[in-house]
Amino acid sequence: MQVEIITDRERWNRFVESQATGNITQTWEWAELGSHLGTQALRLGAVEDGELRGALLVIIEKAPVVGQPYLYAPRGPVCDDPGSPALAALLDHTRTLARTHG
């Protein structure tokens, strides 16, 4: 299982919409709502054999007053099987990403 940044809007939205755990707050367009406010969005996909097995929209913002960055995933990962290696791969990758952003 490999975690990649997904750059294909249709592929992303198709996967999010196909999962029971998918939510409008994990769509491509949701991430774009905050882009004018200076937020950064990463669309992480757990990929196996070329197929998306899990997805996680990560929003990177700066906390007011203290100015420290923080990451959050609106409505959490999109992965219907909580025992899936995709979920573990996404969470491990996000932990590493959080450390790099302080």
PDB file of N, CA and C in Angstrom:
ATOM      1  N   MET A   1       0.862  -1.176   0.000  1.00  0.00           N
ATOM      2  CA  MET A   1       0.000   0.000   0.000  1.00  0.00           C
ATOM      3  C   MET A   1       0.904   1.233   0.000  1.00  0.00           C
ATOM      4  N   GLN A   2       0.629   2.132  -0.921  1.00  0.00           N
ATOM      5  CA  GLN A   2       1.404   3.349  -1.050  1.00  0.00           C
ATOM      6  C   GLN A   2       0.482   4.546  -0.904  1.00  0.00           C
ATOM      7  N   VAL A   3       0.960   5.595  -0.235  1.00  0.00           N
ATOM      8  CA  VAL A   3       0.169   6.823  -0.113  1.00  0.00           C
ATOM      9  C   VAL A   3       0.706   7.838  -1.111  1.00  0.00           C
ATOM     10  N   GLU A   4      -0.209   8.383  -1.904  1.00  0.00           N
ATOM     11  CA  GLU A   4       0.145   9.347  -2.937  1.00  0.00           C
ATOM     12  C   GLU A   4      -0.734  10.586  -2.810  1.00  0.00           C
ATOM     13  N   ILE A   5      -0.222  11.695  -3.308  1.00  0.00           N
ATOM     14  CA  ILE A   5      -1.057  12.890  -3.442  1.00  0.00           C
ATOM     15  C   ILE A   5      -1.852  12.718  -4.733  1.00  0.00           C
ATOM     16  N   ILE A   6      -3.154  12.791  -4.611  1.00  0.00           N
ATOM     17  CA  ILE A   6      -4.039  12.604  -5.758  1.00  0.00           C
ATOM     18  C   ILE A   6      -4.309  13.956  -6.407  1.00  0.00           C
ATOM     19  N   THR A   7      -4.104  14.022  -7.707  1.00  0.00           N
ATOM     20  CA  THR A   7      -4.281  15.286  -8.436  1.00  0.00           C
ATOM     21  C   THR A   7      -5.421  15.231  -9.447  1.00  0.00           C
ATOM     22  N   ASP A   8      -6.108  14.121  -9.525  1.00  0.00           N
ATOM     23  CA  ASP A   8      -7.202  13.937 -10.475  1.00  0.00           C
ATOM     24  C   ASP A   8      -8.539  14.141  -9.758  1.00  0.00           C
ATOM     25  N   ARG A   9      -9.187  15.258 -10.039  1.00  0.00           N
ATOM     26  CA  ARG A   9     -10.449  15.631  -9.390  1.00  0.00           C
ATOM     27  C   ARG A   9     -11.522  14.550  -9.562  1.00  0.00           C
ATOM     28  N   GLU A  10     -11.705  14.069 -10.767  1.00  0.00           N
ATOM     29  CA  GLU A  10     -12.755  13.073 -11.016  1.00  0.00           C
ATOM     30  C   GLU A  10     -12.481  11.772 -10.265  1.00  0.00           C
ATOM     31  N   ARG A  11     -11.247  11.320 -10.305  1.00  0.00           N
ATOM     32  CA  ARG A  11     -10.885  10.088  -9.589  1.00  0.00           C
ATOM     33  C   ARG A  11     -11.156  10.235  -8.102  1.00  0.00           C
ATOM     34  N   TRP A  12     -10.750  11.376  -7.556  1.00  0.00           N
ATOM     35  CA  TRP A  12     -10.946  11.645  -6.125  1.00  0.00           C
ATOM     36  C   TRP A  12     -12.433  11.635  -5.759  1.00  0.00           C
ATOM     37  N   ASN A  13     -13.195  12.465  -6.447  1.00  0.00           N
ATOM     38  CA  ASN A  13     -14.617  12.587  -6.117  1.00  0.00           C
ATOM     39  C   ASN A  13     -15.373  11.281  -6.348  1.00  0.00           C
ATOM     40  N   ARG A  14     -15.026  10.561  -7.402  1.00  0.00           N
ATOM     41  CA  ARG A  14     -15.681   9.279  -7.676  1.00  0.00           C
ATOM     42  C   ARG A  14     -15.462   8.310  -6.513  1.00  0.00           C
ATOM     43  N   PHE A  15     -14.233   8.271  -5.984  1.00  0.00           N
ATOM     44  CA  PHE A  15     -13.952   7.376  -4.864  1.00  0.00           C
ATOM     45  C   PHE A  15     -14.708   7.821  -3.610  1.00  0.00           C
ATOM     46  N   VAL A  16     -14.633   9.102  -3.279  1.00  0.00           N
ATOM     47  CA  VAL A  16     -15.309   9.616  -2.078  1.00  0.00           C
ATOM     48  C   VAL A  16     -16.805   9.326  -2.145  1.00  0.00           C
ATOM     49  N   GLU A  17     -17.399   9.555  -3.298  1.00  0.00           N
ATOM     50  CA  GLU A  17     -18.839   9.336  -3.456  1.00  0.00           C
ATOM     51  C   GLU A  17     -19.225   7.863  -3.402  1.00  0.00           C
ATOM     52  N   SER A  18     -18.298   6.967  -3.734  1.00  0.00           N
ATOM     53  CA  SER A  18     -18.612   5.540  -3.772  1.00  0.00           C
ATOM     54  C   SER A  18     -18.537   4.861  -2.405  1.00  0.00           C
ATOM     55  N   GLN A  19     -17.981   5.536  -1.413  1.00  0.00           N
ATOM     56  CA  GLN A  19     -17.768   4.938  -0.100  1.00  0.00           C
ATOM     57  C   GLN A  19     -18.856   5.361   0.881  1.00  0.00           C
ATOM     58  N   ALA A  20     -19.249   4.443   1.725  1.00  0.00           N
ATOM     59  CA  ALA A  20     -20.254   4.755   2.757  1.00  0.00           C
ATOM     60  C   ALA A  20     -19.730   5.823   3.720  1.00  0.00           C
ATOM     61  N   THR A  21     -18.428   5.871   3.915  1.00  0.00           N
ATOM     62  CA  THR A  21     -17.836   6.858   4.825  1.00  0.00           C
ATOM     63  C   THR A  21     -17.528   8.180   4.120  1.00  0.00           C
ATOM     64  N   GLY A  22     -17.818   8.248   2.825  1.00  0.00           N
ATOM     65  CA  GLY A  22     -17.591   9.485   2.082  1.00  0.00           C
ATOM     66  C   GLY A  22     -18.543  10.575   2.559  1.00  0.00           C
ATOM     67  N   ASN A  23     -18.093  11.809   2.449  1.00  0.00           N
ATOM     68  CA  ASN A  23     -18.877  12.943   2.926  1.00  0.00           C
ATOM     69  C   ASN A  23     -18.549  14.143   2.056  1.00  0.00           C
ATOM     70  N   ILE A  24     -19.470  15.057   1.929  1.00  0.00           N
ATOM     71  CA  ILE A  24     -19.232  16.253   1.117  1.00  0.00           C
ATOM     72  C   ILE A  24     -17.990  17.016   1.583  1.00  0.00           C
ATOM     73  N   THR A  25     -17.672  16.929   2.872  1.00  0.00           N
ATOM     74  CA  THR A  25     -16.507  17.650   3.393  1.00  0.00           C
ATOM     75  C   THR A  25     -15.184  16.975   3.044  1.00  0.00           C
ATOM     76  N   GLN A  26     -15.240  15.876   2.311  1.00  0.00           N
ATOM     77  CA  GLN A  26     -14.030  15.237   1.817  1.00  0.00           C
ATOM     78  C   GLN A  26     -13.901  15.387   0.303  1.00  0.00           C
ATOM     79  N   THR A  27     -14.810  16.131  -0.323  1.00  0.00           N
ATOM     80  CA  THR A  27     -14.749  16.297  -1.775  1.00  0.00           C
ATOM     81  C   THR A  27     -13.665  17.296  -2.167  1.00  0.00           C
ATOM     82  N   TRP A  28     -13.313  17.226  -3.424  1.00  0.00           N
ATOM     83  CA  TRP A  28     -12.315  18.128  -3.997  1.00  0.00           C
ATOM     84  C   TRP A  28     -12.739  19.582  -3.790  1.00  0.00           C
ATOM     85  N   GLU A  29     -14.016  19.835  -4.056  1.00  0.00           N
ATOM     86  CA  GLU A  29     -14.531  21.206  -4.001  1.00  0.00           C
ATOM     87  C   GLU A  29     -14.532  21.778  -2.585  1.00  0.00           C
ATOM     88  N   TRP A  30     -14.746  20.939  -1.597  1.00  0.00           N
ATOM     89  CA  TRP A  30     -14.744  21.409  -0.209  1.00  0.00           C
ATOM     90  C   TRP A  30     -13.394  22.026   0.140  1.00  0.00           C
ATOM     91  N   ALA A  31     -12.341  21.391  -0.305  1.00  0.00           N
ATOM     92  CA  ALA A  31     -10.995  21.894  -0.022  1.00  0.00           C
ATOM     93  C   ALA A  31     -10.763  23.249  -0.674  1.00  0.00           C
ATOM     94  N   GLU A  32     -11.380  23.461  -1.801  1.00  0.00           N
ATOM     95  CA  GLU A  32     -11.201  24.727  -2.506  1.00  0.00           C
ATOM     96  C   GLU A  32     -11.892  25.895  -1.821  1.00  0.00           C
ATOM     97  N   LEU A  33     -12.871  25.621  -0.978  1.00  0.00           N
ATOM     98  CA  LEU A  33     -13.577  26.698  -0.278  1.00  0.00           C
ATOM     99  C   LEU A  33     -12.636  27.548   0.576  1.00  0.00           C
ATOM    100  N   GLY A  34     -11.660  26.932   1.194  1.00  0.00           N
ATOM    101  CA  GLY A  34     -10.753  27.667   2.072  1.00  0.00           C
ATOM    102  C   GLY A  34      -9.494  28.168   1.403  1.00  0.00           C
ATOM    103  N   SER A  35      -9.303  27.825   0.136  1.00  0.00           N
ATOM    104  CA  SER A  35      -8.050  28.189  -0.519  1.00  0.00           C
ATOM    105  C   SER A  35      -7.842  29.699  -0.601  1.00  0.00           C
ATOM    106  N   HIS A  36      -8.912  30.467  -0.697  1.00  0.00           N
ATOM    107  CA  HIS A  36      -8.777  31.925  -0.754  1.00  0.00           C
ATOM    108  C   HIS A  36      -8.408  32.513   0.617  1.00  0.00           C
ATOM    109  N   LEU A  37      -8.508  31.716   1.660  1.00  0.00           N
ATOM    110  CA  LEU A  37      -8.135  32.164   3.006  1.00  0.00           C
ATOM    111  C   LEU A  37      -6.716  31.750   3.386  1.00  0.00           C
ATOM    112  N   GLY A  38      -6.015  31.160   2.439  1.00  0.00           N
ATOM    113  CA  GLY A  38      -4.634  30.782   2.687  1.00  0.00           C
ATOM    114  C   GLY A  38      -4.437  29.371   3.214  1.00  0.00           C
ATOM    115  N   THR A  39      -5.482  28.571   3.219  1.00  0.00           N
ATOM    116  CA  THR A  39      -5.308  27.186   3.652  1.00  0.00           C
ATOM    117  C   THR A  39      -4.704  26.377   2.515  1.00  0.00           C
ATOM    118  N   GLN A  40      -4.030  25.325   2.893  1.00  0.00           N
ATOM    119  CA  GLN A  40      -3.471  24.394   1.919  1.00  0.00           C
ATOM    120  C   GLN A  40      -4.203  23.071   2.077  1.00  0.00           C
ATOM    121  N   ALA A  41      -4.495  22.423   0.977  1.00  0.00           N
ATOM    122  CA  ALA A  41      -5.178  21.134   1.030  1.00  0.00           C
ATOM    123  C   ALA A  41      -4.332  20.076   0.343  1.00  0.00           C
ATOM    124  N   LEU A  42      -4.237  18.927   0.985  1.00  0.00           N
ATOM    125  CA  LEU A  42      -3.582  17.771   0.395  1.00  0.00           C
ATOM    126  C   LEU A  42      -4.604  16.654   0.310  1.00  0.00           C
ATOM    127  N   ARG A  43      -4.680  16.049  -0.831  1.00  0.00           N
ATOM    128  CA  ARG A  43      -5.597  14.931  -1.030  1.00  0.00           C
ATOM    129  C   ARG A  43      -4.752  13.670  -1.082  1.00  0.00           C
ATOM    130  N   LEU A  44      -4.744  12.951   0.013  1.00  0.00           N
ATOM    131  CA  LEU A  44      -3.921  11.751   0.132  1.00  0.00           C
ATOM    132  C   LEU A  44      -4.733  10.522  -0.220  1.00  0.00           C
ATOM    133  N   GLY A  45      -4.160   9.685  -1.049  1.00  0.00           N
ATOM    134  CA  GLY A  45      -4.829   8.452  -1.435  1.00  0.00           C
ATOM    135  C   GLY A  45      -3.961   7.251  -1.123  1.00  0.00           C
ATOM    136  N   ALA A  46      -4.559   6.242  -0.517  1.00  0.00           N
ATOM    137  CA  ALA A  46      -3.890   4.959  -0.318  1.00  0.00           C
ATOM    138  C   ALA A  46      -4.155   4.141  -1.572  1.00  0.00           C
ATOM    139  N   VAL A  47      -3.091   3.815  -2.282  1.00  0.00           N
ATOM    140  CA  VAL A  47      -3.210   3.174  -3.586  1.00  0.00           C
ATOM    141  C   VAL A  47      -2.579   1.789  -3.547  1.00  0.00           C
ATOM    142  N   GLU A  48      -3.313   0.835  -4.115  1.00  0.00           N
ATOM    143  CA  GLU A  48      -2.803  -0.532  -4.238  1.00  0.00           C
ATOM    144  C   GLU A  48      -3.189  -1.039  -5.621  1.00  0.00           C
ATOM    145  N   ASP A  49      -2.201  -1.520  -6.354  1.00  0.00           N
ATOM    146  CA  ASP A  49      -2.429  -2.009  -7.725  1.00  0.00           C
ATOM    147  C   ASP A  49      -3.139  -0.963  -8.589  1.00  0.00           C
ATOM    148  N   GLY A  50      -2.778   0.307  -8.397  1.00  0.00           N
ATOM    149  CA  GLY A  50      -3.345   1.384  -9.194  1.00  0.00           C
ATOM    150  C   GLY A  50      -4.735   1.839  -8.789  1.00  0.00           C
ATOM    151  N   GLU A  51      -5.312   1.203  -7.777  1.00  0.00           N
ATOM    152  CA  GLU A  51      -6.667   1.537  -7.334  1.00  0.00           C
ATOM    153  C   GLU A  51      -6.645   2.254  -5.988  1.00  0.00           C
ATOM    154  N   LEU A  52      -7.494   3.268  -5.855  1.00  0.00           N
ATOM    155  CA  LEU A  52      -7.654   3.940  -4.564  1.00  0.00           C
ATOM    156  C   LEU A  52      -8.359   2.989  -3.600  1.00  0.00           C
ATOM    157  N   ARG A  53      -7.793   2.823  -2.424  1.00  0.00           N
ATOM    158  CA  ARG A  53      -8.389   1.976  -1.391  1.00  0.00           C
ATOM    159  C   ARG A  53      -8.829   2.799  -0.185  1.00  0.00           C
ATOM    160  N   GLY A  54      -8.334   4.039  -0.107  1.00  0.00           N
ATOM    161  CA  GLY A  54      -8.686   4.942   0.978  1.00  0.00           C
ATOM    162  C   GLY A  54      -8.276   6.346   0.587  1.00  0.00           C
ATOM    163  N   ALA A  55      -8.909   7.340   1.188  1.00  0.00           N
ATOM    164  CA  ALA A  55      -8.615   8.733   0.867  1.00  0.00           C
ATOM    165  C   ALA A  55      -8.706   9.577   2.134  1.00  0.00           C
ATOM    166  N   LEU A  56      -7.927  10.635   2.147  1.00  0.00           N
ATOM    167  CA  LEU A  56      -7.941  11.535   3.296  1.00  0.00           C
ATOM    168  C   LEU A  56      -7.630  12.952   2.827  1.00  0.00           C
ATOM    169  N   LEU A  57      -8.594  13.836   2.983  1.00  0.00           N
ATOM    170  CA  LEU A  57      -8.382  15.244   2.687  1.00  0.00           C
ATOM    171  C   LEU A  57      -7.773  15.880   3.929  1.00  0.00           C
ATOM    172  N   VAL A  58      -6.568  16.416   3.785  1.00  0.00           N
ATOM    173  CA  VAL A  58      -5.882  17.054   4.904  1.00  0.00           C
ATOM    174  C   VAL A  58      -5.811  18.549   4.626  1.00  0.00           C
ATOM    175  N   ILE A  59      -6.357  19.332   5.542  1.00  0.00           N
ATOM    176  CA  ILE A  59      -6.326  20.793   5.448  1.00  0.00           C
ATOM    177  C   ILE A  59      -5.239  21.292   6.393  1.00  0.00           C
ATOM    178  N   ILE A  60      -4.385  22.162   5.884  1.00  0.00           N
ATOM    179  CA  ILE A  60      -3.308  22.737   6.701  1.00  0.00           C
ATOM    180  C   ILE A  60      -3.613  24.216   6.882  1.00  0.00           C
ATOM    181  N   GLU A  61      -3.749  24.619   8.130  1.00  0.00           N
ATOM    182  CA  GLU A  61      -4.046  26.016   8.467  1.00  0.00           C
ATOM    183  C   GLU A  61      -3.097  26.488   9.550  1.00  0.00           C
ATOM    184  N   LYS A  62      -3.118  27.780   9.809  1.00  0.00           N
ATOM    185  CA  LYS A  62      -2.384  28.340  10.948  1.00  0.00           C
ATOM    186  C   LYS A  62      -3.385  28.736  12.016  1.00  0.00           C
ATOM    187  N   ALA A  63      -3.083  28.348  13.238  1.00  0.00           N
ATOM    188  CA  ALA A  63      -3.959  28.673  14.361  1.00  0.00           C
ATOM    189  C   ALA A  63      -3.941  30.178  14.611  1.00  0.00           C
ATOM    190  N   PRO A  64      -5.108  30.753  14.866  1.00  0.00           N
ATOM    191  CA  PRO A  64      -5.156  32.182  15.182  1.00  0.00           C
ATOM    192  C   PRO A  64      -4.326  32.492  16.437  1.00  0.00           C
ATOM    193  N   VAL A  65      -3.862  33.659  16.523  1.00  0.00           N
ATOM    194  CA  VAL A  65      -3.086  34.212  17.630  1.00  0.00           C
ATOM    195  C   VAL A  65      -1.684  33.618  17.689  1.00  0.00           C
ATOM    196  N   VAL A  66      -1.552  32.306  17.880  1.00  0.00           N
ATOM    197  CA  VAL A  66      -0.224  31.698  18.015  1.00  0.00           C
ATOM    198  C   VAL A  66       0.465  31.482  16.675  1.00  0.00           C
ATOM    199  N   GLY A  67      -0.300  31.387  15.600  1.00  0.00           N
ATOM    200  CA  GLY A  67       0.279  31.266  14.271  1.00  0.00           C
ATOM    201  C   GLY A  67       0.918  29.923  13.959  1.00  0.00           C
ATOM    202  N   GLN A  68       0.714  28.949  14.802  1.00  0.00           N
ATOM    203  CA  GLN A  68       1.284  27.622  14.572  1.00  0.00           C
ATOM    204  C   GLN A  68       0.398  26.845  13.593  1.00  0.00           C
ATOM    205  N   PRO A  69       1.025  26.082  12.717  1.00  0.00           N
ATOM    206  CA  PRO A  69       0.218  25.291  11.791  1.00  0.00           C
ATOM    207  C   PRO A  69      -0.450  24.107  12.483  1.00  0.00           C
ATOM    208  N   TYR A  70      -1.590  23.736  11.962  1.00  0.00           N
ATOM    209  CA  TYR A  70      -2.250  22.513  12.413  1.00  0.00           C
ATOM    210  C   TYR A  70      -2.908  21.857  11.211  1.00  0.00           C
ATOM    211  N   LEU A  71      -3.092  20.566  11.313  1.00  0.00           N
ATOM    212  CA  LEU A  71      -3.705  19.787  10.256  1.00  0.00           C
ATOM    213  C   LEU A  71      -5.028  19.233  10.757  1.00  0.00           C
ATOM    214  N   TYR A  72      -5.987  19.188   9.878  1.00  0.00           N
ATOM    215  CA  TYR A  72      -7.222  18.495  10.235  1.00  0.00           C
ATOM    216  C   TYR A  72      -7.826  17.867   8.984  1.00  0.00           C
ATOM    217  N   ALA A  73      -8.620  16.854   9.227  1.00  0.00           N
ATOM    218  CA  ALA A  73      -9.290  16.136   8.145  1.00  0.00           C
ATOM    219  C   ALA A  73     -10.790  16.190   8.412  1.00  0.00           C
ATOM    220  N   PRO A  74     -11.510  17.032   7.672  1.00  0.00           N
ATOM    221  CA  PRO A  74     -12.945  17.130   7.908  1.00  0.00           C
ATOM    222  C   PRO A  74     -13.644  15.783   7.698  1.00  0.00           C
ATOM    223  N   ARG A  75     -14.305  15.326   8.718  1.00  0.00           N
ATOM    224  CA  ARG A  75     -15.043  14.055   8.726  1.00  0.00           C
ATOM    225  C   ARG A  75     -14.134  12.837   8.555  1.00  0.00           C
ATOM    226  N   GLY A  76     -12.849  13.011   8.779  1.00  0.00           N
ATOM    227  CA  GLY A  76     -11.927  11.881   8.835  1.00  0.00           C
ATOM    228  C   GLY A  76     -11.664  11.177   7.525  1.00  0.00           C
ATOM    229  N   PRO A  77     -10.928  10.086   7.591  1.00  0.00           N
ATOM    230  CA  PRO A  77     -10.585   9.345   6.374  1.00  0.00           C
ATOM    231  C   PRO A  77     -11.809   8.713   5.720  1.00  0.00           C
ATOM    232  N   VAL A  78     -11.703   8.527   4.422  1.00  0.00           N
ATOM    233  CA  VAL A  78     -12.722   7.821   3.665  1.00  0.00           C
ATOM    234  C   VAL A  78     -12.170   6.421   3.400  1.00  0.00           C
ATOM    235  N   CYS A  79     -12.659   5.486   4.190  1.00  0.00           N
ATOM    236  CA  CYS A  79     -12.225   4.096   4.080  1.00  0.00           C
ATOM    237  C   CYS A  79     -13.273   3.248   4.791  1.00  0.00           C
ATOM    238  N   ASP A  80     -14.014   2.486   4.022  1.00  0.00           N
ATOM    239  CA  ASP A  80     -15.148   1.760   4.593  1.00  0.00           C
ATOM    240  C   ASP A  80     -14.760   0.628   5.539  1.00  0.00           C
ATOM    241  N   ASP A  81     -13.545   0.098   5.402  1.00  0.00           N
ATOM    242  CA  ASP A  81     -13.111  -1.011   6.244  1.00  0.00           C
ATOM    243  C   ASP A  81     -12.120  -0.510   7.291  1.00  0.00           C
ATOM    244  N   PRO A  82     -12.521  -0.420   8.574  1.00  0.00           N
ATOM    245  CA  PRO A  82     -11.614   0.101   9.599  1.00  0.00           C
ATOM    246  C   PRO A  82     -10.379  -0.779   9.817  1.00  0.00           C
ATOM    247  N   GLY A  83     -10.406  -2.015   9.359  1.00  0.00           N
ATOM    248  CA  GLY A  83      -9.245  -2.891   9.489  1.00  0.00           C
ATOM    249  C   GLY A  83      -8.365  -2.890   8.258  1.00  0.00           C
ATOM    250  N   SER A  84      -8.681  -2.045   7.301  1.00  0.00           N
ATOM    251  CA  SER A  84      -7.951  -2.008   6.032  1.00  0.00           C
ATOM    252  C   SER A  84      -6.537  -1.462   6.208  1.00  0.00           C
ATOM    253  N   PRO A  85      -5.573  -2.039   5.510  1.00  0.00           N
ATOM    254  CA  PRO A  85      -4.216  -1.474   5.503  1.00  0.00           C
ATOM    255  C   PRO A  85      -4.202  -0.056   4.933  1.00  0.00           C
ATOM    256  N   ALA A  86      -5.211   0.293   4.133  1.00  0.00           N
ATOM    257  CA  ALA A  86      -5.292   1.652   3.577  1.00  0.00           C
ATOM    258  C   ALA A  86      -5.441   2.680   4.682  1.00  0.00           C
ATOM    259  N   LEU A  87      -6.270   2.382   5.659  1.00  0.00           N
ATOM    260  CA  LEU A  87      -6.484   3.309   6.768  1.00  0.00           C
ATOM    261  C   LEU A  87      -5.198   3.504   7.563  1.00  0.00           C
ATOM    262  N   ALA A  88      -4.529   2.415   7.874  1.00  0.00           N
ATOM    263  CA  ALA A  88      -3.263   2.503   8.613  1.00  0.00           C
ATOM    264  C   ALA A  88      -2.224   3.294   7.828  1.00  0.00           C
ATOM    265  N   ALA A  89      -2.143   3.061   6.524  1.00  0.00           N
ATOM    266  CA  ALA A  89      -1.164   3.779   5.696  1.00  0.00           C
ATOM    267  C   ALA A  89      -1.460   5.277   5.671  1.00  0.00           C
ATOM    268  N   LEU A  90      -2.734   5.641   5.544  1.00  0.00           N
ATOM    269  CA  LEU A  90      -3.097   7.059   5.538  1.00  0.00           C
ATOM    270  C   LEU A  90      -2.762   7.735   6.863  1.00  0.00           C
ATOM    271  N   LEU A  91      -3.074   7.077   7.961  1.00  0.00           N
ATOM    272  CA  LEU A  91      -2.804   7.670   9.277  1.00  0.00           C
ATOM    273  C   LEU A  91      -1.307   7.782   9.545  1.00  0.00           C
ATOM    274  N   ASP A  92      -0.541   6.774   9.180  1.00  0.00           N
ATOM    275  CA  ASP A  92       0.917   6.841   9.349  1.00  0.00           C
ATOM    276  C   ASP A  92       1.511   7.980   8.535  1.00  0.00           C
ATOM    277  N   HIS A  93       1.066   8.112   7.299  1.00  0.00           N
ATOM    278  CA  HIS A  93       1.569   9.180   6.437  1.00  0.00           C
ATOM    279  C   HIS A  93       1.206  10.556   7.004  1.00  0.00           C
ATOM    280  N   THR A  94       0.006  10.673   7.530  1.00  0.00           N
ATOM    281  CA  THR A  94      -0.442  11.952   8.086  1.00  0.00           C
ATOM    282  C   THR A  94       0.341  12.314   9.339  1.00  0.00           C
ATOM    283  N   ARG A  95       0.679  11.330  10.168  1.00  0.00           N
ATOM    284  CA  ARG A  95       1.517  11.611  11.345  1.00  0.00           C
ATOM    285  C   ARG A  95       2.866  12.191  10.923  1.00  0.00           C
ATOM    286  N   THR A  96       3.459  11.601   9.912  1.00  0.00           N
ATOM    287  CA  THR A  96       4.737  12.104   9.406  1.00  0.00           C
ATOM    288  C   THR A  96       4.575  13.505   8.844  1.00  0.00           C
ATOM    289  N   LEU A  97       3.517  13.721   8.104  1.00  0.00           N
ATOM    290  CA  LEU A  97       3.221  15.038   7.537  1.00  0.00           C
ATOM    291  C   LEU A  97       3.049  16.078   8.643  1.00  0.00           C
ATOM    292  N   ALA A  98       2.355  15.721   9.704  1.00  0.00           N
ATOM    293  CA  ALA A  98       2.143  16.647  10.826  1.00  0.00           C
ATOM    294  C   ALA A  98       3.469  17.036  11.470  1.00  0.00           C
ATOM    295  N   ARG A  99       4.355  16.070  11.619  1.00  0.00           N
ATOM    296  CA  ARG A  99       5.671  16.388  12.206  1.00  0.00           C
ATOM    297  C   ARG A  99       6.450  17.361  11.327  1.00  0.00           C
ATOM    298  N   THR A 100       6.375  17.194  10.025  1.00  0.00           N
ATOM    299  CA  THR A 100       7.128  18.086   9.127  1.00  0.00           C
ATOM    300  C   THR A 100       6.571  19.512   9.144  1.00  0.00           C
ATOM    301  N   HIS A 101       5.297  19.658   9.515  1.00  0.00           N
ATOM    302  CA  HIS A 101       4.697  20.995   9.598  1.00  0.00           C
ATOM    303  C   HIS A 101       4.758  21.578  11.004  1.00  0.00           C
ATOM    304  N   GLY A 102       5.370  20.858  11.900  1.00  0.00           N
ATOM    305  CA  GLY A 102       5.544  21.372  13.259  1.00  0.00           C
ATOM    306  C   GLY A 102       4.315  21.277  14.109  1.00  0.00           C
TER     307      GLY A 102
END
